[in-house]
């Protein structure tokens, strides 16, 4: 009878994901998508050209953005700050271990993306592959355009993965360091205190390597050491501004997650509730 009971127990269908585990899986998936997108779009440099008001009350409101008018930034800033917000939210609810696991997921998925991109670049183009609407009249031109967009991520990804592992794991540990220092209160301190430092580490590593080695830029094109340092500084200031802007988002995100997951709100909590 005991043996039959064990067999019936083994054949019992697996329990479905709990809401808490499903939410963590969603956060991890969102994190990986944002990270992979950062590596894909990050090779594009753009000039800030927002044409915002510079006088009056609106000029005062837009002053932080107007500071960057005419500066050159990397497109990765559109998505990469989101990854720090997500690691902070996961740290806040699920703890350091789950946040670190999510960081490792992103690292593995970035490696997979790098491998697939390199294989795709090396595939022989079909003669039917053209885009005359973009001035690409034959397969050779299409192949050059495709390689120009996706071959660079090999260097960018190498740089960003170094920066990524260091900065994200650093961010997770700093977040919990500030949590202990503040004894669970003042979430804005642990959010900005961790993100501000880790973003600086990330920006120096990834932009230093990419701009110096990955773009073909050199002093003859105006990309000397001073110019690279200037871009790094401006990109970091922009990321820091976004980090300050996302402070209400982490409070809102924590509130929504606690409501959705049935966690009692406790502003002075000293440990993550689902750790």
Protein backbone atom coordinates (compact mmCIF):
# COMPACT_ATOMS: atom_id res chain seq x y z
CA UNK A 1 0.00 0.00 0.00
CA UNK A 2 2.85 2.34 0.81
CA UNK A 3 4.38 1.64 -2.60
CA UNK A 4 1.06 2.36 -4.36
CA UNK A 5 0.76 5.60 -2.40
CA UNK A 6 4.25 6.64 -3.51
CA UNK A 7 3.41 5.88 -7.17
CA UNK A 8 0.22 7.94 -6.97
CA UNK A 9 2.22 10.77 -5.40
CA UNK A 10 4.81 10.64 -8.20
CA UNK A 11 2.07 10.75 -10.87
CA UNK A 12 0.39 13.80 -9.34
CA UNK A 13 0.51 16.67 -11.89
CA UNK A 14 3.07 19.34 -11.13
CA UNK A 15 1.74 22.41 -9.40
CA UNK A 16 1.40 25.42 -11.71
CA UNK A 17 3.57 28.49 -11.26
CA UNK A 18 2.48 30.56 -8.31
CA UNK A 19 1.71 34.21 -8.99
CA UNK A 20 4.94 35.17 -7.24
CA UNK A 21 7.11 32.87 -9.34
CA UNK A 22 5.33 33.87 -12.56
CA UNK A 23 5.90 37.54 -11.73
CA UNK A 24 9.59 36.93 -11.13
CA UNK A 25 9.80 35.10 -14.47
CA UNK A 26 8.15 38.08 -16.18
CA UNK A 27 10.58 40.52 -14.54
CA UNK A 28 13.53 38.36 -15.60
CA UNK A 29 12.21 38.15 -19.18
CA UNK A 30 11.71 41.93 -19.31
CA UNK A 31 15.24 42.40 -17.99
CA UNK A 32 16.77 40.11 -20.63
CA UNK A 33 14.82 41.78 -23.48
CA UNK A 34 15.96 45.25 -22.35
CA UNK A 35 19.56 44.04 -22.10
CA UNK A 36 19.62 42.34 -25.51
CA UNK A 37 18.01 45.40 -27.12
CA UNK A 38 20.69 47.57 -25.52
CA UNK A 39 23.41 45.48 -27.15
CA UNK A 40 21.67 45.62 -30.56
CA UNK A 41 20.90 49.35 -30.70
CA UNK A 42 23.89 50.55 -28.68
CA UNK A 43 26.18 50.85 -31.72
CA UNK A 44 24.28 53.89 -32.97
CA UNK A 45 25.51 57.30 -31.84
CA UNK A 46 22.98 60.12 -31.98
CA UNK A 47 22.94 63.86 -31.40
CA UNK A 48 20.49 65.23 -28.86
CA UNK A 49 18.24 67.54 -30.85
CA UNK A 50 15.05 67.98 -28.85
CA UNK A 51 14.41 71.68 -29.59
CA UNK A 52 12.78 72.20 -26.19
CA UNK A 53 11.84 75.61 -24.70
CA UNK A 54 14.77 77.45 -23.13
CA UNK A 55 12.98 80.40 -21.52
CA UNK A 56 10.18 80.90 -19.05
CA UNK A 57 8.66 78.24 -16.83
CA UNK A 58 8.89 75.52 -19.48
CA UNK A 59 12.54 76.40 -20.01
CA UNK A 60 13.14 75.88 -16.29
CA UNK A 61 11.39 72.50 -16.42
CA UNK A 62 13.34 71.42 -19.52
CA UNK A 63 16.71 72.72 -18.26
CA UNK A 64 18.14 69.25 -17.42
CA UNK A 65 17.42 68.01 -20.94
CA UNK A 66 18.57 71.25 -22.59
CA UNK A 67 21.93 70.75 -20.88
CA UNK A 68 22.51 67.82 -23.28
CA UNK A 69 21.40 69.66 -26.43
CA UNK A 70 23.88 69.02 -29.25
CA UNK A 71 25.76 66.31 -27.33
CA UNK A 72 26.58 62.87 -28.78
CA UNK A 73 25.15 59.88 -26.91
CA UNK A 74 24.82 56.14 -27.53
CA UNK A 75 21.36 54.74 -28.29
CA UNK A 76 21.76 52.15 -25.57
CA UNK A 77 20.69 54.74 -23.01
CA UNK A 78 17.11 54.24 -24.24
CA UNK A 79 16.91 50.78 -22.67
CA UNK A 80 19.89 50.12 -20.40
CA UNK A 81 18.74 52.28 -17.45
CA UNK A 82 15.63 50.08 -17.34
CA UNK A 83 17.81 47.09 -16.42
CA UNK A 84 19.01 48.83 -13.26
CA UNK A 85 15.45 49.68 -12.29
CA UNK A 86 14.48 46.03 -12.73
CA UNK A 87 17.39 44.67 -10.69
CA UNK A 88 16.53 47.10 -7.90
CA UNK A 89 12.87 46.03 -7.93
CA UNK A 90 13.79 42.35 -7.88
CA UNK A 91 16.29 43.01 -5.08
CA UNK A 92 13.55 44.83 -3.16
CA UNK A 93 11.01 41.99 -3.42
CA UNK A 94 12.92 38.75 -4.07
CA UNK A 95 16.35 39.58 -2.65
CA UNK A 96 20.00 39.53 -3.72
CA UNK A 97 20.13 35.89 -4.84
CA UNK A 98 17.22 36.19 -7.29
CA UNK A 99 18.55 39.48 -8.65
CA UNK A 100 21.98 37.93 -9.21
CA UNK A 101 20.41 34.94 -10.99
CA UNK A 102 18.58 37.36 -13.29
CA UNK A 103 21.89 39.08 -14.08
CA UNK A 104 23.42 35.70 -15.03
CA UNK A 105 20.40 34.99 -17.28
CA UNK A 106 21.11 38.23 -19.12
CA UNK A 107 24.78 37.33 -19.52
CA UNK A 108 23.97 33.92 -21.04
CA UNK A 109 21.34 35.37 -23.39
CA UNK A 110 23.79 38.04 -24.54
CA UNK A 111 26.32 35.33 -25.35
CA UNK A 112 23.69 33.50 -27.38
CA UNK A 113 22.78 36.72 -29.21
CA UNK A 114 26.44 37.33 -30.04
CA UNK A 115 26.83 33.86 -31.51
CA UNK A 116 23.66 34.08 -33.61
CA UNK A 117 24.53 37.56 -34.90
CA UNK A 118 27.98 36.47 -35.99
CA UNK A 119 26.54 33.46 -37.85
CA UNK A 120 23.91 35.64 -39.55
CA UNK A 121 26.52 38.19 -40.69
CA UNK A 122 28.58 35.41 -42.29
CA UNK A 123 25.69 33.86 -44.27
CA UNK A 124 25.96 34.40 -48.04
CA UNK A 125 23.40 37.00 -49.17
CA UNK A 126 20.77 36.09 -51.75
CA UNK A 127 20.76 38.12 -54.99
CA UNK A 128 17.05 38.78 -54.34
CA UNK A 129 17.85 40.56 -51.08
CA UNK A 130 17.57 44.27 -51.93
CA UNK A 131 15.97 47.42 -50.52
CA UNK A 132 15.86 49.94 -53.35
CA UNK A 133 13.73 52.26 -51.22
CA UNK A 134 16.78 52.77 -49.00
CA UNK A 135 19.23 53.07 -51.88
CA UNK A 136 20.48 49.48 -51.50
CA UNK A 137 20.22 48.18 -55.03
CA UNK A 138 22.02 44.85 -54.78
CA UNK A 139 22.87 42.07 -52.33
CA UNK A 140 26.44 43.32 -51.79
CA UNK A 141 25.16 46.69 -50.58
CA UNK A 142 22.61 44.97 -48.36
CA UNK A 143 25.31 42.74 -46.91
CA UNK A 144 27.54 45.75 -46.17
CA UNK A 145 24.67 47.55 -44.47
CA UNK A 146 23.74 44.45 -42.47
CA UNK A 147 27.35 43.88 -41.40
CA UNK A 148 27.77 47.56 -40.49
CA UNK A 149 24.83 47.29 -38.11
CA UNK A 150 25.40 43.84 -36.65
CA UNK A 151 29.14 43.16 -36.92
CA UNK A 152 30.02 45.90 -34.41
CA UNK A 153 28.06 44.27 -31.60
CA UNK A 154 30.91 41.73 -31.38
CA UNK A 155 33.15 44.46 -29.96
CA UNK A 156 30.31 46.29 -28.23
CA UNK A 157 29.04 43.11 -26.64
CA UNK A 158 32.50 42.16 -25.46
CA UNK A 159 32.83 45.57 -23.82
CA UNK A 160 29.29 45.69 -22.52
CA UNK A 161 29.42 42.18 -21.10
CA UNK A 162 32.54 43.08 -19.09
CA UNK A 163 30.80 46.22 -17.89
CA UNK A 164 27.49 44.46 -17.46
CA UNK A 165 28.69 41.73 -15.12
CA UNK A 166 30.76 44.11 -13.03
CA UNK A 167 28.15 46.89 -12.86
CA UNK A 168 25.00 44.80 -12.38
CA UNK A 169 26.44 42.51 -9.72
CA UNK A 170 27.96 45.58 -8.09
CA UNK A 171 24.55 47.27 -8.22
CA UNK A 172 22.84 44.33 -6.51
CA UNK A 173 25.40 44.24 -3.72
CA UNK A 174 25.44 48.01 -3.28
CA UNK A 175 21.65 48.04 -3.11
CA UNK A 176 21.67 45.65 -0.15
CA UNK A 177 24.60 47.50 1.42
CA UNK A 178 22.60 50.72 1.46
CA UNK A 179 19.58 48.76 2.71
CA UNK A 180 21.58 47.67 5.76
CA UNK A 181 23.00 51.17 6.29
CA UNK A 182 19.56 52.82 6.21
CA UNK A 183 17.98 49.97 8.25
CA UNK A 184 15.27 49.43 5.66
CA UNK A 185 14.09 53.03 5.35
CA UNK A 186 14.70 55.65 2.62
CA UNK A 187 14.42 53.43 -0.44
CA UNK A 188 15.48 56.36 -2.64
CA UNK A 189 18.94 56.24 -1.04
CA UNK A 190 19.56 52.58 -1.84
CA UNK A 191 18.08 53.01 -5.32
CA UNK A 192 20.15 56.03 -6.34
CA UNK A 193 23.16 55.13 -4.20
CA UNK A 194 23.55 51.77 -5.96
CA UNK A 195 22.57 52.86 -9.47
CA UNK A 196 24.67 56.03 -9.48
CA UNK A 197 27.91 54.23 -8.64
CA UNK A 198 27.32 51.14 -10.78
CA UNK A 199 26.28 53.25 -13.80
CA UNK A 200 29.57 55.13 -13.55
CA UNK A 201 31.52 51.84 -13.56
CA UNK A 202 29.49 50.56 -16.51
CA UNK A 203 29.78 53.76 -18.56
CA UNK A 204 33.55 53.99 -18.18
CA UNK A 205 34.13 50.35 -19.15
CA UNK A 206 31.70 49.93 -22.04
CA UNK A 207 32.10 53.33 -23.69
CA UNK A 208 35.85 53.41 -23.15
CA UNK A 209 36.34 50.07 -24.89
CA UNK A 210 33.73 50.61 -27.59
CA UNK A 211 34.67 54.14 -28.59
CA UNK A 212 38.40 53.45 -28.54
CA UNK A 213 38.52 49.99 -30.13
CA UNK A 214 35.15 49.19 -31.66
CA UNK A 215 34.28 52.11 -33.93
CA UNK A 216 37.42 52.78 -35.93
CA UNK A 217 37.46 56.32 -34.56
CA UNK A 218 40.82 57.99 -34.13
CA UNK A 219 42.50 61.37 -33.66
CA UNK A 220 42.35 61.97 -37.42
CA UNK A 221 38.55 61.91 -37.17
CA UNK A 222 38.37 64.03 -34.04
CA UNK A 223 38.06 61.10 -31.65
CA UNK A 224 41.06 61.66 -29.42
CA UNK A 225 41.25 60.73 -25.72
CA UNK A 226 39.67 64.00 -24.58
CA UNK A 227 36.68 63.54 -26.88
CA UNK A 228 36.11 59.97 -25.67
CA UNK A 229 36.29 61.11 -22.03
CA UNK A 230 33.81 63.88 -22.85
CA UNK A 231 31.33 61.40 -24.35
CA UNK A 232 31.72 59.08 -21.36
CA UNK A 233 31.08 61.97 -18.96
CA UNK A 234 28.02 63.22 -20.86
CA UNK A 235 26.56 59.69 -21.20
CA UNK A 236 27.04 59.13 -17.47
CA UNK A 237 25.37 62.43 -16.56
CA UNK A 238 22.44 61.51 -18.81
CA UNK A 239 22.16 58.09 -17.15
CA UNK A 240 22.38 59.72 -13.73
CA UNK A 241 19.56 62.07 -14.67
CA UNK A 242 17.45 59.08 -15.77
CA UNK A 243 18.29 57.29 -12.51
CA UNK A 244 16.96 60.27 -10.54
CA UNK A 245 13.87 60.41 -12.73
CA UNK A 246 13.13 56.72 -12.18
CA UNK A 247 13.05 57.15 -8.37
CA UNK A 248 9.23 57.57 -8.40
CA UNK A 249 9.08 54.51 -10.68
CA UNK A 250 10.72 52.21 -8.13
CA UNK A 251 8.32 53.43 -5.44
CA UNK A 252 5.40 52.88 -7.81
CA UNK A 253 6.76 49.54 -9.00
CA UNK A 254 7.23 48.32 -5.44
CA UNK A 255 3.70 49.42 -4.50
CA UNK A 256 2.16 47.63 -7.51
CA UNK A 257 4.19 44.45 -6.93
CA UNK A 258 3.22 44.34 -3.26
CA UNK A 259 -0.46 44.80 -4.15
CA UNK A 260 -0.33 42.22 -6.94
CA UNK A 261 1.59 39.64 -4.88
CA UNK A 262 -0.36 40.17 -1.66
CA UNK A 263 2.59 41.49 0.37
CA UNK A 264 1.88 43.79 3.30
CA UNK A 265 3.49 47.20 2.87
CA UNK A 266 6.25 47.87 5.40
CA UNK A 267 8.42 51.00 4.80
CA UNK A 268 10.93 49.88 7.44
CA UNK A 269 11.36 46.31 6.21
CA UNK A 270 14.93 45.15 6.72
CA UNK A 271 14.77 42.07 4.45
CA UNK A 272 13.13 41.33 1.08
CA UNK A 273 9.74 39.68 1.73
CA UNK A 274 10.21 36.84 -0.79
CA UNK A 275 13.92 36.18 -0.27
